[in-house]
């Protein structure tokens, strides 16, 4: 099954994130082994995008909340820890035997 958002095909989770944000996630998260110069350029671009789209952080938070809500049963499917029904040693007052 193929997933399309507009005219763009989303294949990976990163594709969905990029199409939802309108920017690649690496712009916000950085990449391994980037130089100081690359980091500065990336941060400048991110700053410009936020200046042009002041509602972007709220939109991202809203998208994240919807995803968490939609997948809450799977995300929070936890099982309680069960204590083993072992024998307890009786509590004794006084000297040990």
N, C-alpha and C. Protein backbone atom coordinates (compact mmCIF):
# COMPACT_ATOMS: atom_id res chain seq x y z
N UNK A 1 0.84 -1.18 0.00
CA UNK A 1 0.00 0.00 0.00
C UNK A 1 0.89 1.24 0.00
N UNK A 2 0.56 2.18 -0.82
CA UNK A 2 1.33 3.41 -0.92
C UNK A 2 0.60 4.54 -0.21
N UNK A 3 1.37 5.40 0.43
CA UNK A 3 0.80 6.55 1.13
C UNK A 3 1.25 7.83 0.43
N UNK A 4 0.29 8.67 0.11
CA UNK A 4 0.59 9.94 -0.53
C UNK A 4 0.05 11.08 0.32
N UNK A 5 0.83 12.11 0.41
CA UNK A 5 0.40 13.35 1.06
C UNK A 5 0.53 14.41 -0.03
N UNK A 6 -0.62 14.87 -0.51
CA UNK A 6 -0.60 15.74 -1.69
C UNK A 6 -0.11 14.92 -2.87
N UNK A 7 0.90 15.42 -3.55
CA UNK A 7 1.48 14.70 -4.68
C UNK A 7 2.75 13.95 -4.29
N UNK A 8 3.06 13.93 -3.01
CA UNK A 8 4.31 13.33 -2.54
C UNK A 8 4.06 11.97 -1.91
N UNK A 9 4.87 11.00 -2.29
CA UNK A 9 4.75 9.67 -1.70
C UNK A 9 5.60 9.62 -0.44
N UNK A 10 4.99 9.15 0.64
CA UNK A 10 5.70 8.99 1.90
C UNK A 10 6.01 7.50 2.08
N UNK A 11 7.29 7.17 2.17
CA UNK A 11 7.70 5.78 2.29
C UNK A 11 8.18 5.48 3.71
N UNK A 12 8.96 6.37 4.27
CA UNK A 12 9.53 6.15 5.60
C UNK A 12 8.89 7.10 6.61
N UNK A 13 9.16 6.84 7.88
CA UNK A 13 8.68 7.73 8.93
C UNK A 13 9.24 9.14 8.75
N UNK A 14 10.50 9.23 8.32
CA UNK A 14 11.09 10.55 8.08
C UNK A 14 10.37 11.29 6.96
N UNK A 15 9.88 10.57 5.96
CA UNK A 15 9.11 11.20 4.89
C UNK A 15 7.85 11.85 5.45
N UNK A 16 7.16 11.13 6.33
CA UNK A 16 5.95 11.68 6.94
C UNK A 16 6.28 12.91 7.79
N UNK A 17 7.36 12.82 8.54
CA UNK A 17 7.76 13.96 9.38
C UNK A 17 8.10 15.17 8.51
N UNK A 18 8.88 14.94 7.46
CA UNK A 18 9.27 16.04 6.59
C UNK A 18 8.06 16.67 5.91
N UNK A 19 7.12 15.86 5.46
CA UNK A 19 5.92 16.40 4.82
C UNK A 19 5.03 17.12 5.82
N UNK A 20 4.97 16.65 7.06
CA UNK A 20 4.16 17.31 8.08
C UNK A 20 4.78 18.65 8.48
N UNK A 21 6.10 18.68 8.63
CA UNK A 21 6.78 19.91 9.05
C UNK A 21 7.02 20.87 7.89
N UNK A 22 7.17 20.32 6.72
CA UNK A 22 7.53 21.15 5.58
C UNK A 22 9.03 21.36 5.48
N UNK A 23 9.78 20.74 6.36
CA UNK A 23 11.24 20.83 6.37
C UNK A 23 11.80 19.47 6.78
N UNK A 24 13.02 19.17 6.40
CA UNK A 24 13.61 17.90 6.84
C UNK A 24 13.92 17.95 8.34
N UNK A 25 13.74 16.84 9.05
CA UNK A 25 14.02 16.82 10.49
C UNK A 25 15.47 17.18 10.81
N UNK A 26 16.39 16.87 9.90
CA UNK A 26 17.81 17.16 10.16
C UNK A 26 18.05 18.66 10.33
N UNK A 27 17.18 19.48 9.76
CA UNK A 27 17.33 20.93 9.92
C UNK A 27 17.23 21.31 11.38
N UNK A 28 16.35 20.64 12.12
CA UNK A 28 16.11 20.97 13.52
C UNK A 28 16.98 20.14 14.46
N UNK A 29 17.31 18.92 14.07
CA UNK A 29 18.04 18.02 14.95
C UNK A 29 19.54 18.00 14.71
N UNK A 30 19.95 18.44 13.53
CA UNK A 30 21.37 18.37 13.19
C UNK A 30 21.73 16.99 12.67
N UNK A 31 22.97 16.88 12.26
CA UNK A 31 23.46 15.60 11.75
C UNK A 31 24.78 15.28 12.45
N UNK A 32 25.11 13.99 12.47
CA UNK A 32 26.37 13.57 13.06
C UNK A 32 27.53 14.17 12.28
N UNK A 33 28.56 14.53 13.00
CA UNK A 33 29.81 15.00 12.42
C UNK A 33 29.67 16.28 11.60
N UNK A 34 28.67 17.12 11.88
CA UNK A 34 28.60 18.38 11.15
C UNK A 34 29.63 19.35 11.71
N UNK A 35 30.18 20.16 10.84
CA UNK A 35 31.19 21.12 11.26
C UNK A 35 30.50 22.32 11.92
N UNK A 36 31.28 23.14 12.58
CA UNK A 36 30.73 24.34 13.20
C UNK A 36 30.10 25.25 12.14
N UNK A 37 30.72 25.30 10.98
CA UNK A 37 30.21 26.13 9.89
C UNK A 37 28.87 25.59 9.38
N UNK A 38 28.76 24.26 9.25
CA UNK A 38 27.50 23.65 8.81
C UNK A 38 26.41 23.86 9.85
N UNK A 39 26.79 23.72 11.12
CA UNK A 39 25.81 23.93 12.20
C UNK A 39 25.30 25.36 12.19
N UNK A 40 26.20 26.33 12.03
CA UNK A 40 25.80 27.73 12.00
C UNK A 40 24.85 28.01 10.83
N UNK A 41 25.15 27.46 9.67
CA UNK A 41 24.30 27.65 8.49
C UNK A 41 22.93 27.01 8.72
N UNK A 42 22.91 25.82 9.33
CA UNK A 42 21.65 25.13 9.61
C UNK A 42 20.81 25.93 10.60
N UNK A 43 21.45 26.45 11.64
CA UNK A 43 20.74 27.24 12.64
C UNK A 43 20.21 28.55 12.05
N UNK A 44 20.98 29.17 11.16
CA UNK A 44 20.51 30.39 10.48
C UNK A 44 19.27 30.10 9.64
N UNK A 45 19.30 28.98 8.91
CA UNK A 45 18.15 28.61 8.09
C UNK A 45 16.93 28.33 8.98
N UNK A 46 17.13 27.64 10.08
CA UNK A 46 16.03 27.35 11.00
C UNK A 46 15.47 28.65 11.58
N UNK A 47 16.36 29.57 11.92
CA UNK A 47 15.94 30.87 12.45
C UNK A 47 15.07 31.62 11.43
N UNK A 48 15.49 31.61 10.18
CA UNK A 48 14.72 32.27 9.12
C UNK A 48 13.36 31.63 8.93
N UNK A 49 13.30 30.30 8.99
CA UNK A 49 12.03 29.59 8.83
C UNK A 49 11.09 29.93 9.98
N UNK A 50 11.61 29.98 11.20
CA UNK A 50 10.77 30.33 12.35
C UNK A 50 10.31 31.78 12.28
N UNK A 51 11.16 32.66 11.76
CA UNK A 51 10.76 34.06 11.61
C UNK A 51 9.62 34.20 10.59
N UNK A 52 9.67 33.40 9.52
CA UNK A 52 8.63 33.44 8.49
C UNK A 52 7.36 32.70 8.91
N UNK A 53 7.49 31.74 9.83
CA UNK A 53 6.37 30.90 10.27
C UNK A 53 6.32 30.84 11.79
N UNK A 54 5.87 31.92 12.44
CA UNK A 54 5.91 31.93 13.91
C UNK A 54 5.02 30.87 14.57
N UNK A 55 4.04 30.34 13.84
CA UNK A 55 3.16 29.32 14.41
C UNK A 55 3.69 27.91 14.27
N UNK A 56 4.85 27.74 13.66
CA UNK A 56 5.38 26.39 13.41
C UNK A 56 5.57 25.57 14.69
N UNK A 57 6.16 26.12 15.77
CA UNK A 57 6.31 25.30 16.97
C UNK A 57 4.97 24.79 17.52
N UNK A 58 3.94 25.64 17.47
CA UNK A 58 2.62 25.21 17.93
C UNK A 58 2.04 24.13 17.02
N UNK A 59 2.25 24.27 15.72
CA UNK A 59 1.77 23.26 14.78
C UNK A 59 2.44 21.92 15.02
N UNK A 60 3.74 21.95 15.27
CA UNK A 60 4.49 20.71 15.53
C UNK A 60 3.99 20.05 16.81
N UNK A 61 3.77 20.86 17.85
CA UNK A 61 3.26 20.30 19.11
C UNK A 61 1.88 19.70 18.91
N UNK A 62 1.04 20.35 18.12
CA UNK A 62 -0.31 19.86 17.85
C UNK A 62 -0.25 18.53 17.09
N UNK A 63 0.64 18.44 16.09
CA UNK A 63 0.79 17.20 15.32
C UNK A 63 1.27 16.08 16.23
N UNK A 64 2.26 16.37 17.07
CA UNK A 64 2.79 15.36 17.99
C UNK A 64 1.70 14.87 18.94
N UNK A 65 0.89 15.79 19.46
CA UNK A 65 -0.18 15.41 20.38
C UNK A 65 -1.21 14.51 19.68
N UNK A 66 -1.53 14.82 18.42
CA UNK A 66 -2.49 13.99 17.68
C UNK A 66 -1.93 12.59 17.44
N UNK A 67 -0.65 12.51 17.11
CA UNK A 67 -0.03 11.20 16.88
C UNK A 67 -0.02 10.38 18.17
N UNK A 68 0.33 11.01 19.27
CA UNK A 68 0.34 10.31 20.56
C UNK A 68 -1.06 9.85 20.92
N UNK A 69 -2.05 10.71 20.72
CA UNK A 69 -3.42 10.34 21.03
C UNK A 69 -3.90 9.19 20.15
N UNK A 70 -3.55 9.23 18.87
CA UNK A 70 -3.99 8.18 17.96
C UNK A 70 -3.35 6.83 18.26
N UNK A 71 -2.13 6.86 18.79
CA UNK A 71 -1.40 5.62 19.04
C UNK A 71 -1.21 5.34 20.53
N UNK A 72 -1.98 6.00 21.38
CA UNK A 72 -1.83 5.84 22.82
C UNK A 72 -1.96 4.39 23.29
N UNK A 73 -2.93 3.62 22.78
CA UNK A 73 -3.02 2.24 23.28
C UNK A 73 -1.73 1.44 23.04
N UNK A 74 -1.09 1.64 21.87
CA UNK A 74 0.15 0.91 21.61
C UNK A 74 1.32 1.50 22.40
N UNK A 75 1.33 2.83 22.53
CA UNK A 75 2.45 3.47 23.22
C UNK A 75 2.45 3.18 24.72
N UNK A 76 1.25 3.10 25.28
CA UNK A 76 1.15 2.94 26.73
C UNK A 76 0.63 1.57 27.12
N UNK A 77 0.88 0.58 26.29
CA UNK A 77 0.46 -0.78 26.58
C UNK A 77 1.46 -1.40 27.55
N UNK A 78 1.22 -1.16 28.82
CA UNK A 78 2.14 -1.66 29.84
C UNK A 78 1.44 -2.73 30.65
N UNK A 79 2.21 -3.63 31.14
CA UNK A 79 1.68 -4.70 31.99
C UNK A 79 2.22 -4.49 33.41
N UNK A 80 1.38 -4.67 34.40
CA UNK A 80 1.86 -4.49 35.77
C UNK A 80 2.87 -5.57 36.15
N UNK A 81 3.82 -5.19 36.94
CA UNK A 81 4.79 -6.17 37.43
C UNK A 81 4.14 -6.99 38.53
N UNK A 82 4.33 -8.27 38.46
CA UNK A 82 3.73 -9.17 39.43
C UNK A 82 4.84 -9.67 40.35
N UNK A 83 4.59 -9.54 41.63
CA UNK A 83 5.57 -10.03 42.60
C UNK A 83 5.45 -11.54 42.72
N UNK A 84 6.57 -12.20 42.76
CA UNK A 84 6.50 -13.66 42.92
C UNK A 84 5.90 -14.00 44.28
N UNK A 85 5.12 -15.05 44.31
CA UNK A 85 4.46 -15.47 45.54
C UNK A 85 5.41 -16.36 46.34
N UNK A 86 6.50 -15.78 46.76
CA UNK A 86 7.48 -16.53 47.54
C UNK A 86 7.10 -16.58 49.00
N UNK A 87 7.82 -17.40 49.74
CA UNK A 87 7.55 -17.49 51.17
C UNK A 87 8.19 -16.33 51.87
N UNK A 88 7.49 -15.78 52.81
CA UNK A 88 8.03 -14.70 53.62
C UNK A 88 8.55 -15.28 54.91
N UNK A 89 9.64 -14.73 55.35
CA UNK A 89 10.16 -15.17 56.65
C UNK A 89 9.40 -14.43 57.73
N UNK A 90 8.99 -15.14 58.75
CA UNK A 90 8.22 -14.49 59.82
C UNK A 90 9.09 -13.49 60.57
N UNK A 91 8.48 -12.44 60.99
CA UNK A 91 9.17 -11.40 61.76
C UNK A 91 9.18 -11.83 63.21
N UNK A 92 10.37 -11.79 63.80
CA UNK A 92 10.50 -12.20 65.21
C UNK A 92 11.08 -11.06 66.00
N UNK A 93 10.54 -10.88 67.15
CA UNK A 93 11.11 -9.89 68.08
C UNK A 93 12.10 -10.60 68.98
N UNK A 94 13.07 -9.89 69.44
CA UNK A 94 14.00 -10.49 70.37
C UNK A 94 15.24 -11.00 69.68
N UNK A 95 15.93 -11.91 70.33
CA UNK A 95 17.17 -12.43 69.82
C UNK A 95 16.93 -13.45 68.71
N UNK A 96 17.90 -13.50 67.84
CA UNK A 96 17.84 -14.50 66.77
C UNK A 96 18.18 -15.86 67.33
N UNK A 97 17.56 -16.87 66.81
CA UNK A 97 17.79 -18.22 67.33
C UNK A 97 19.06 -18.81 66.84
